[in-house]
């Protein structure tokens, strides 16, 4: 996609260049922190079996992306156009090797990882600016913190083991 075919915003462009994690919300749902790779003014996100969970993103046409600065605070939220890269296309051949090479703790070489993404239902999505970004004083003033969502990995913890009983006076 050429530079003149996409919407641009200097703040979004700069935030995307530095992004390693993006908070992505699909259809007004909860935002998920997703590992991403910036490429040509867009963010590439991989999700699916064996990868990060991004409910609804693979089938979505739009999403909302929030990026944070070095200090951890929100700096910009923007509507994104979601485009799924399909194996065998020119876009896939250009982007998938770059994403696979940057994937931390990958279970095998990049070529095998790309093959798994193509055959096991994983989605490599490109998120590009598709509207007016919200920044500065226009951002919500509250924390937007939520209670942790239920997850199968969460389990009750027991009290720590004590060798002897401590007496109180």
N, C-alpha and C. Protein backbone atom coordinates (compact mmCIF):
# COMPACT_ATOMS: atom_id res chain seq x y z
N UNK A 1 0.86 -1.17 0.00
CA UNK A 1 0.00 0.00 0.00
C UNK A 1 0.90 1.23 0.00
N UNK A 2 0.62 2.14 -0.88
CA UNK A 2 1.46 3.33 -0.98
C UNK A 2 1.11 4.32 0.13
N UNK A 3 2.00 5.24 0.33
CA UNK A 3 1.85 6.24 1.39
C UNK A 3 0.59 7.08 1.22
N UNK A 4 0.22 7.42 -0.04
CA UNK A 4 -0.96 8.28 -0.23
C UNK A 4 -2.27 7.51 -0.15
N UNK A 5 -2.25 6.16 -0.18
CA UNK A 5 -3.48 5.38 -0.13
C UNK A 5 -3.97 5.15 1.29
N UNK A 6 -3.20 5.48 2.29
CA UNK A 6 -3.63 5.23 3.65
C UNK A 6 -3.69 6.53 4.44
N UNK A 7 -4.54 6.51 5.46
CA UNK A 7 -4.62 7.68 6.34
C UNK A 7 -3.32 7.79 7.11
N UNK A 8 -2.91 9.01 7.41
CA UNK A 8 -1.69 9.19 8.18
C UNK A 8 -1.94 10.16 9.32
N UNK A 9 -1.16 9.97 10.35
CA UNK A 9 -1.14 10.85 11.50
C UNK A 9 0.27 10.77 12.06
N UNK A 10 0.94 11.87 12.21
CA UNK A 10 2.32 11.83 12.72
C UNK A 10 2.43 11.12 14.08
N UNK A 11 1.45 11.36 14.97
CA UNK A 11 1.49 10.72 16.29
C UNK A 11 1.33 9.20 16.16
N UNK A 12 0.36 8.77 15.36
CA UNK A 12 0.15 7.33 15.18
C UNK A 12 1.36 6.71 14.50
N UNK A 13 1.90 7.35 13.48
CA UNK A 13 3.08 6.82 12.79
C UNK A 13 4.25 6.62 13.75
N UNK A 14 4.49 7.61 14.60
CA UNK A 14 5.61 7.52 15.55
C UNK A 14 5.33 6.44 16.62
N UNK A 15 4.10 6.38 17.12
CA UNK A 15 3.75 5.37 18.13
C UNK A 15 3.83 3.96 17.55
N UNK A 16 3.41 3.79 16.31
CA UNK A 16 3.47 2.48 15.66
C UNK A 16 4.91 2.03 15.48
N UNK A 17 5.79 2.94 15.10
CA UNK A 17 7.21 2.61 14.90
C UNK A 17 7.83 2.02 16.17
N UNK A 18 7.39 2.50 17.34
CA UNK A 18 7.98 2.08 18.60
C UNK A 18 7.20 0.97 19.31
N UNK A 19 6.09 0.54 18.72
CA UNK A 19 5.20 -0.41 19.39
C UNK A 19 5.79 -1.82 19.43
N UNK A 20 5.66 -2.44 20.58
CA UNK A 20 5.97 -3.87 20.75
C UNK A 20 4.72 -4.59 21.24
N UNK A 21 3.86 -3.83 21.93
CA UNK A 21 2.59 -4.36 22.44
C UNK A 21 1.51 -3.34 22.11
N UNK A 22 0.37 -3.83 21.65
CA UNK A 22 -0.78 -2.97 21.38
C UNK A 22 -1.99 -3.55 22.10
N UNK A 23 -2.86 -2.68 22.59
CA UNK A 23 -4.10 -3.11 23.22
C UNK A 23 -5.16 -3.02 22.13
N UNK A 24 -5.73 -4.18 21.77
CA UNK A 24 -6.65 -4.26 20.63
C UNK A 24 -8.02 -4.73 21.11
N UNK A 25 -9.04 -3.98 20.72
CA UNK A 25 -10.43 -4.29 21.06
C UNK A 25 -11.20 -4.50 19.77
N UNK A 26 -11.99 -5.57 19.73
CA UNK A 26 -12.80 -5.88 18.55
C UNK A 26 -14.27 -5.74 18.92
N UNK A 27 -15.01 -5.02 18.12
CA UNK A 27 -16.47 -4.86 18.26
C UNK A 27 -16.87 -4.39 19.66
N UNK A 28 -16.12 -3.45 20.23
CA UNK A 28 -16.45 -2.90 21.54
C UNK A 28 -16.17 -3.84 22.70
N UNK A 29 -15.54 -4.97 22.44
CA UNK A 29 -15.21 -5.93 23.50
C UNK A 29 -14.01 -5.47 24.31
N UNK A 30 -13.58 -6.32 25.24
CA UNK A 30 -12.42 -5.96 26.06
C UNK A 30 -11.15 -5.88 25.21
N UNK A 31 -10.26 -5.01 25.62
CA UNK A 31 -8.98 -4.86 24.91
C UNK A 31 -8.01 -5.93 25.39
N UNK A 32 -7.32 -6.54 24.45
CA UNK A 32 -6.30 -7.55 24.76
C UNK A 32 -4.93 -6.99 24.44
N UNK A 33 -3.97 -7.23 25.33
CA UNK A 33 -2.59 -6.82 25.07
C UNK A 33 -2.00 -7.85 24.12
N UNK A 34 -1.57 -7.40 22.94
CA UNK A 34 -1.06 -8.30 21.92
C UNK A 34 0.33 -7.89 21.47
N UNK A 35 1.20 -8.87 21.34
CA UNK A 35 2.51 -8.63 20.78
C UNK A 35 2.32 -8.27 19.32
N UNK A 36 3.04 -7.28 18.85
CA UNK A 36 2.89 -6.84 17.47
C UNK A 36 4.25 -6.47 16.88
N UNK A 37 4.27 -6.37 15.57
CA UNK A 37 5.48 -5.96 14.86
C UNK A 37 5.12 -4.81 13.93
N UNK A 38 5.76 -3.65 14.07
CA UNK A 38 5.49 -2.55 13.14
C UNK A 38 6.15 -2.81 11.79
N UNK A 39 5.39 -2.53 10.71
CA UNK A 39 5.94 -2.70 9.37
C UNK A 39 5.21 -1.74 8.43
N UNK A 40 5.93 -0.85 7.80
CA UNK A 40 5.38 0.09 6.81
C UNK A 40 4.18 0.87 7.33
N UNK A 41 4.25 1.38 8.54
CA UNK A 41 3.17 2.19 9.10
C UNK A 41 1.98 1.41 9.61
N UNK A 42 2.08 0.09 9.66
CA UNK A 42 1.00 -0.76 10.16
C UNK A 42 1.55 -1.67 11.26
N UNK A 43 0.62 -2.30 11.98
CA UNK A 43 1.02 -3.28 12.99
C UNK A 43 0.63 -4.66 12.50
N UNK A 44 1.54 -5.61 12.62
CA UNK A 44 1.24 -7.00 12.27
C UNK A 44 1.04 -7.77 13.57
N UNK A 45 -0.05 -8.53 13.64
CA UNK A 45 -0.41 -9.28 14.84
C UNK A 45 -0.70 -10.72 14.44
N UNK A 46 -0.12 -11.69 15.15
CA UNK A 46 -0.38 -13.11 14.90
C UNK A 46 -1.23 -13.64 16.05
N UNK A 47 -2.28 -14.40 15.71
CA UNK A 47 -3.12 -15.01 16.73
C UNK A 47 -3.59 -16.37 16.23
N UNK A 48 -4.03 -17.19 17.16
CA UNK A 48 -4.56 -18.49 16.79
C UNK A 48 -3.95 -19.59 17.62
N UNK A 49 -4.17 -20.86 17.23
CA UNK A 49 -3.66 -22.00 18.00
C UNK A 49 -2.14 -21.94 18.18
N UNK A 50 -1.70 -22.03 19.41
CA UNK A 50 -0.28 -21.98 19.71
C UNK A 50 0.29 -20.58 19.73
N UNK A 51 -0.54 -19.58 19.45
CA UNK A 51 -0.11 -18.18 19.46
C UNK A 51 -0.98 -17.43 20.45
N UNK A 52 -0.90 -16.12 20.47
CA UNK A 52 -1.68 -15.31 21.40
C UNK A 52 -3.16 -15.34 21.05
N UNK A 53 -3.97 -15.16 22.08
CA UNK A 53 -5.42 -15.16 21.91
C UNK A 53 -5.90 -13.75 21.61
N UNK A 54 -6.64 -13.60 20.51
CA UNK A 54 -7.22 -12.32 20.12
C UNK A 54 -8.63 -12.60 19.61
N UNK A 55 -9.58 -12.84 20.52
CA UNK A 55 -10.93 -13.24 20.11
C UNK A 55 -11.56 -12.27 19.11
N UNK A 56 -11.98 -12.83 17.97
CA UNK A 56 -12.68 -12.06 16.96
C UNK A 56 -11.81 -11.31 15.98
N UNK A 57 -10.53 -11.17 16.25
CA UNK A 57 -9.68 -10.33 15.38
C UNK A 57 -9.51 -10.94 13.99
N UNK A 58 -9.37 -12.25 13.89
CA UNK A 58 -9.15 -12.90 12.58
C UNK A 58 -10.31 -12.66 11.63
N UNK A 59 -11.53 -12.54 12.16
CA UNK A 59 -12.71 -12.36 11.31
C UNK A 59 -13.14 -10.90 11.20
N UNK A 60 -12.53 -10.02 11.95
CA UNK A 60 -12.97 -8.62 12.01
C UNK A 60 -12.50 -7.81 10.81
N UNK A 61 -13.28 -6.78 10.49
CA UNK A 61 -12.87 -5.81 9.47
C UNK A 61 -12.26 -4.57 10.12
N UNK A 62 -12.70 -4.29 11.37
CA UNK A 62 -12.20 -3.12 12.09
C UNK A 62 -11.90 -3.50 13.54
N UNK A 63 -11.09 -2.69 14.17
CA UNK A 63 -10.75 -2.86 15.58
C UNK A 63 -10.35 -1.50 16.13
N UNK A 64 -10.17 -1.44 17.44
CA UNK A 64 -9.68 -0.21 18.07
C UNK A 64 -8.35 -0.54 18.72
N UNK A 65 -7.35 0.27 18.42
CA UNK A 65 -5.98 0.04 18.90
C UNK A 65 -5.57 1.15 19.84
N UNK A 66 -5.02 0.78 20.99
CA UNK A 66 -4.46 1.75 21.92
C UNK A 66 -2.98 1.46 22.07
N UNK A 67 -2.17 2.48 21.94
CA UNK A 67 -0.72 2.35 22.12
C UNK A 67 -0.29 3.18 23.31
N UNK A 68 0.71 2.69 23.99
CA UNK A 68 1.22 3.36 25.18
C UNK A 68 2.64 3.82 24.92
N UNK A 69 3.06 4.82 25.68
CA UNK A 69 4.40 5.36 25.54
C UNK A 69 5.39 4.62 26.43
N UNK A 70 6.62 5.10 26.42
CA UNK A 70 7.69 4.49 27.22
C UNK A 70 7.38 4.51 28.71
N UNK A 71 6.61 5.48 29.15
CA UNK A 71 6.29 5.63 30.57
C UNK A 71 5.10 4.76 30.97
N UNK A 72 4.45 4.08 30.02
CA UNK A 72 3.33 3.20 30.33
C UNK A 72 1.96 3.83 30.17
N UNK A 73 1.89 5.13 29.96
CA UNK A 73 0.61 5.80 29.81
C UNK A 73 0.09 5.75 28.38
N UNK A 74 -1.23 5.79 28.24
CA UNK A 74 -1.84 5.83 26.91
C UNK A 74 -1.42 7.10 26.19
N UNK A 75 -1.04 6.95 24.94
CA UNK A 75 -0.72 8.15 24.17
C UNK A 75 -1.66 8.34 22.99
N UNK A 76 -2.22 7.24 22.47
CA UNK A 76 -3.13 7.38 21.33
C UNK A 76 -4.02 6.14 21.21
N UNK A 77 -5.26 6.38 20.82
CA UNK A 77 -6.20 5.32 20.48
C UNK A 77 -6.73 5.63 19.09
N UNK A 78 -6.79 4.61 18.23
CA UNK A 78 -7.21 4.86 16.86
C UNK A 78 -8.00 3.68 16.30
N UNK A 79 -8.96 4.01 15.41
CA UNK A 79 -9.69 2.95 14.73
C UNK A 79 -8.79 2.32 13.67
N UNK A 80 -8.82 1.00 13.58
CA UNK A 80 -7.94 0.30 12.65
C UNK A 80 -8.74 -0.52 11.65
N UNK A 81 -8.23 -0.57 10.45
CA UNK A 81 -8.74 -1.48 9.43
C UNK A 81 -7.94 -2.77 9.60
N UNK A 82 -8.65 -3.90 9.67
CA UNK A 82 -8.00 -5.20 9.86
C UNK A 82 -7.99 -5.93 8.52
N UNK A 83 -6.82 -6.34 8.08
CA UNK A 83 -6.68 -7.11 6.85
C UNK A 83 -5.89 -8.37 7.16
N UNK A 84 -6.50 -9.52 6.91
CA UNK A 84 -5.83 -10.79 7.16
C UNK A 84 -4.93 -11.12 5.97
N UNK A 85 -3.68 -11.41 6.27
CA UNK A 85 -2.74 -11.79 5.21
C UNK A 85 -2.92 -13.29 4.95
N UNK A 86 -3.11 -13.65 3.70
CA UNK A 86 -3.37 -15.03 3.31
C UNK A 86 -2.09 -15.69 2.81
N UNK A 87 -1.84 -16.94 3.24
CA UNK A 87 -0.66 -17.66 2.75
C UNK A 87 -0.65 -17.75 1.23
N UNK A 88 0.52 -17.58 0.65
CA UNK A 88 0.67 -17.66 -0.79
C UNK A 88 0.54 -16.34 -1.51
N UNK A 89 0.05 -15.30 -0.82
CA UNK A 89 -0.07 -13.99 -1.45
C UNK A 89 1.26 -13.24 -1.36
N UNK A 90 1.37 -12.19 -2.15
CA UNK A 90 2.58 -11.38 -2.13
C UNK A 90 2.78 -10.72 -0.75
N UNK A 91 1.67 -10.25 -0.14
CA UNK A 91 1.76 -9.64 1.20
C UNK A 91 2.29 -10.64 2.22
N UNK A 92 1.79 -11.88 2.16
CA UNK A 92 2.22 -12.93 3.09
C UNK A 92 3.72 -13.18 2.92
N UNK A 93 4.15 -13.34 1.68
CA UNK A 93 5.55 -13.66 1.40
C UNK A 93 6.49 -12.54 1.86
N UNK A 94 5.99 -11.30 1.87
CA UNK A 94 6.82 -10.18 2.32
C UNK A 94 6.82 -10.03 3.84
N UNK A 95 5.67 -10.25 4.47
CA UNK A 95 5.53 -9.94 5.90
C UNK A 95 5.76 -11.14 6.83
N UNK A 96 5.26 -12.30 6.49
CA UNK A 96 5.32 -13.45 7.40
C UNK A 96 6.75 -13.82 7.82
N UNK A 97 7.74 -13.82 6.92
CA UNK A 97 9.10 -14.13 7.37
C UNK A 97 9.63 -13.12 8.39
N UNK A 98 9.26 -11.85 8.24
CA UNK A 98 9.72 -10.82 9.18
C UNK A 98 9.08 -11.04 10.56
N UNK A 99 7.79 -11.35 10.57
CA UNK A 99 7.09 -11.59 11.83
C UNK A 99 7.65 -12.85 12.50
N UNK A 100 7.84 -13.90 11.72
CA UNK A 100 8.36 -15.17 12.26
C UNK A 100 9.76 -14.99 12.85
N UNK A 101 10.58 -14.17 12.20
CA UNK A 101 11.94 -13.95 12.69
C UNK A 101 11.96 -13.20 14.02
N UNK A 102 10.96 -12.35 14.24
CA UNK A 102 10.90 -11.55 15.48
C UNK A 102 10.11 -12.24 16.59
N UNK A 103 9.49 -13.39 16.31
CA UNK A 103 8.67 -14.11 17.29
C UNK A 103 9.58 -14.70 18.36
N UNK A 104 9.43 -14.22 19.60
CA UNK A 104 10.25 -14.71 20.70
C UNK A 104 9.81 -16.11 21.11
N UNK A 105 10.76 -16.92 21.53
CA UNK A 105 10.50 -18.28 22.02
C UNK A 105 9.73 -19.12 21.02
N UNK A 106 10.03 -18.94 19.76
CA UNK A 106 9.35 -19.71 18.71
C UNK A 106 9.75 -21.18 18.81
N UNK A 107 8.77 -22.07 18.67
CA UNK A 107 9.07 -23.51 18.76
C UNK A 107 9.59 -24.05 17.43
N UNK A 108 10.77 -23.66 17.03
CA UNK A 108 11.36 -24.13 15.78
C UNK A 108 11.80 -22.98 14.90
N UNK A 109 12.34 -23.32 13.73
CA UNK A 109 12.81 -22.28 12.81
C UNK A 109 11.65 -21.48 12.21
N UNK A 110 11.97 -20.32 11.66
CA UNK A 110 10.96 -19.42 11.11
C UNK A 110 10.15 -20.07 10.00
N UNK A 111 10.78 -20.86 9.14
CA UNK A 111 10.06 -21.50 8.03
C UNK A 111 9.01 -22.47 8.56
N UNK A 112 9.35 -23.21 9.59
CA UNK A 112 8.39 -24.15 10.19
C UNK A 112 7.26 -23.39 10.88
N UNK A 113 7.58 -22.29 11.50
CA UNK A 113 6.57 -21.46 12.16
C UNK A 113 5.58 -20.90 11.14
N UNK A 114 6.08 -20.41 10.02
CA UNK A 114 5.21 -19.90 8.97
C UNK A 114 4.33 -21.01 8.39
N UNK A 115 4.88 -22.19 8.23
CA UNK A 115 4.09 -23.32 7.74
C UNK A 115 2.97 -23.64 8.70
N UNK A 116 3.27 -23.63 10.01
CA UNK A 116 2.25 -23.90 11.03
C UNK A 116 1.16 -22.82 11.00
N UNK A 117 1.56 -21.56 10.86
CA UNK A 117 0.57 -20.48 10.77
C UNK A 117 -0.36 -20.70 9.58
N UNK A 118 0.21 -21.14 8.46
CA UNK A 118 -0.58 -21.31 7.23
C UNK A 118 -1.51 -22.51 7.30
N UNK A 119 -1.11 -23.57 8.00
CA UNK A 119 -1.89 -24.81 7.97
C UNK A 119 -2.75 -25.05 9.20
N UNK A 120 -2.47 -24.40 10.31
CA UNK A 120 -3.19 -24.71 11.54
C UNK A 120 -4.17 -23.63 11.97
N UNK A 121 -4.58 -22.78 11.06
CA UNK A 121 -5.63 -21.81 11.38
C UNK A 121 -5.18 -20.57 12.12
N UNK A 122 -3.91 -20.26 12.10
CA UNK A 122 -3.45 -19.01 12.72
C UNK A 122 -3.73 -17.85 11.76
N UNK A 123 -3.84 -16.66 12.30
CA UNK A 123 -4.11 -15.47 11.49
C UNK A 123 -2.97 -14.48 11.66
N UNK A 124 -2.45 -14.00 10.55
CA UNK A 124 -1.51 -12.89 10.55
C UNK A 124 -2.31 -11.70 10.02
N UNK A 125 -2.56 -10.72 10.88
CA UNK A 125 -3.38 -9.56 10.53
C UNK A 125 -2.56 -8.29 10.47
N UNK A 126 -2.92 -7.43 9.52
CA UNK A 126 -2.31 -6.11 9.39
C UNK A 126 -3.33 -5.09 9.90
N UNK A 127 -2.94 -4.27 10.87
CA UNK A 127 -3.80 -3.22 11.41
C UNK A 127 -3.29 -1.87 10.92
N UNK A 128 -4.14 -1.15 10.18
CA UNK A 128 -3.76 0.16 9.65
C UNK A 128 -4.76 1.21 10.11
N UNK A 129 -4.29 2.42 10.21
CA UNK A 129 -5.13 3.55 10.63
C UNK A 129 -6.31 3.71 9.67
N UNK A 130 -7.53 3.83 10.26
CA UNK A 130 -8.73 3.92 9.43
C UNK A 130 -9.68 5.01 9.91
N UNK A 131 -9.15 6.02 10.53
CA UNK A 131 -10.02 7.09 11.02
C UNK A 131 -9.22 8.10 11.82
N UNK A 132 -9.93 8.88 12.59
CA UNK A 132 -9.29 9.93 13.37
C UNK A 132 -8.81 9.40 14.71
N UNK A 133 -7.53 9.54 15.01
CA UNK A 133 -7.01 9.08 16.30
C UNK A 133 -7.44 9.99 17.44
N UNK A 134 -7.49 9.43 18.64
CA UNK A 134 -7.82 10.18 19.85
C UNK A 134 -6.53 10.25 20.67
N UNK A 135 -6.15 11.46 21.07
CA UNK A 135 -4.90 11.64 21.82
C UNK A 135 -5.03 12.81 22.78
N UNK A 136 -4.05 12.93 23.66
CA UNK A 136 -3.99 14.06 24.58
C UNK A 136 -5.19 14.17 25.48
N UNK A 137 -5.76 15.37 25.59
CA UNK A 137 -6.88 15.64 26.49
C UNK A 137 -8.16 14.91 26.06
N UNK A 138 -8.21 14.41 24.82
CA UNK A 138 -9.39 13.70 24.35
C UNK A 138 -9.45 12.26 24.87
N UNK A 139 -8.33 11.73 25.37
CA UNK A 139 -8.31 10.37 25.92
C UNK A 139 -9.09 10.34 27.23
N UNK A 140 -9.69 9.20 27.59
CA UNK A 140 -10.39 9.10 28.87
C UNK A 140 -9.47 9.42 30.04
N UNK A 141 -9.98 10.11 31.05
CA UNK A 141 -9.17 10.50 32.20
C UNK A 141 -9.00 9.35 33.19
N UNK A 142 -9.95 8.42 33.23
CA UNK A 142 -9.88 7.30 34.17
C UNK A 142 -8.88 6.26 33.74
N UNK A 143 -8.68 5.27 34.61
CA UNK A 143 -7.69 4.23 34.32
C UNK A 143 -8.19 3.18 33.35
N UNK A 144 -9.50 3.02 33.23
CA UNK A 144 -10.11 1.97 32.42
C UNK A 144 -9.72 0.57 32.88
N UNK A 145 -9.25 0.46 34.12
CA UNK A 145 -8.87 -0.84 34.68
C UNK A 145 -10.10 -1.73 34.83
N UNK A 146 -9.91 -3.01 34.62
CA UNK A 146 -10.98 -3.99 34.74
C UNK A 146 -10.53 -5.09 35.68
N UNK A 147 -11.52 -5.81 36.20
CA UNK A 147 -11.18 -6.99 36.98
C UNK A 147 -10.56 -8.01 36.04
N UNK A 148 -9.62 -8.82 36.52
CA UNK A 148 -9.03 -9.83 35.65
C UNK A 148 -10.11 -10.78 35.12
N UNK A 149 -9.99 -11.13 33.85
CA UNK A 149 -10.94 -12.05 33.23
C UNK A 149 -10.63 -13.48 33.66
N UNK A 150 -11.67 -14.30 33.68
CA UNK A 150 -11.48 -15.71 33.98
C UNK A 150 -10.63 -16.34 32.89
N UNK A 151 -9.74 -17.22 33.29
CA UNK A 151 -8.88 -17.91 32.34
C UNK A 151 -8.58 -19.30 32.87
N UNK A 152 -8.39 -20.27 31.99
CA UNK A 152 -8.12 -21.63 32.44
C UNK A 152 -6.79 -21.77 33.18
N UNK A 153 -5.90 -20.82 33.03
CA UNK A 153 -4.60 -20.91 33.68
C UNK A 153 -4.61 -20.40 35.11
N UNK A 154 -5.69 -19.75 35.51
CA UNK A 154 -5.77 -19.21 36.86
C UNK A 154 -6.20 -20.33 37.80
N UNK A 155 -5.51 -20.44 38.91
CA UNK A 155 -5.89 -21.46 39.90
C UNK A 155 -5.72 -20.88 41.29
N UNK A 156 -6.45 -21.44 42.22
CA UNK A 156 -6.36 -20.97 43.60
C UNK A 156 -4.98 -21.30 44.17
N UNK A 157 -4.47 -20.40 44.97
CA UNK A 157 -3.17 -20.65 45.59
C UNK A 157 -3.37 -21.03 47.04
N UNK A 158 -2.51 -21.88 47.51
CA UNK A 158 -2.57 -22.29 48.91
C UNK A 158 -1.68 -21.38 49.73
N UNK A 159 -1.91 -21.41 51.03
CA UNK A 159 -1.05 -20.67 51.94
C UNK A 159 0.34 -21.30 51.88
N UNK A 160 1.39 -20.52 52.04
CA UNK A 160 2.73 -21.09 51.96
C UNK A 160 3.00 -22.05 53.12
N UNK A 161 3.86 -23.03 52.87
CA UNK A 161 4.24 -24.01 53.88
C UNK A 161 5.06 -23.34 54.98
N UNK A 162 4.76 -23.70 56.23
CA UNK A 162 5.56 -23.19 57.36
C UNK A 162 6.12 -24.37 58.13
N UNK A 163 7.37 -24.28 58.42
CA UNK A 163 8.01 -25.36 59.17
C UNK A 163 7.60 -25.35 60.62
N UNK A 164 7.42 -24.19 61.20
CA UNK A 164 7.02 -24.08 62.61
C UNK A 164 5.99 -22.97 62.74
N UNK A 165 5.30 -23.00 63.83
CA UNK A 165 4.26 -22.00 64.07
C UNK A 165 4.87 -20.80 64.80
N UNK A 166 4.55 -19.62 64.33
CA UNK A 166 5.05 -18.38 64.95
C UNK A 166 4.03 -17.96 66.00
N UNK A 167 4.51 -17.77 67.23
CA UNK A 167 3.62 -17.36 68.32
C UNK A 167 3.57 -15.84 68.40
N UNK A 168 2.38 -15.35 68.64
CA UNK A 168 2.22 -13.89 68.81
C UNK A 168 2.16 -13.59 70.29
N UNK A 169 2.68 -12.48 70.69
CA UNK A 169 2.65 -12.09 72.10
C UNK A 169 1.65 -11.03 72.32
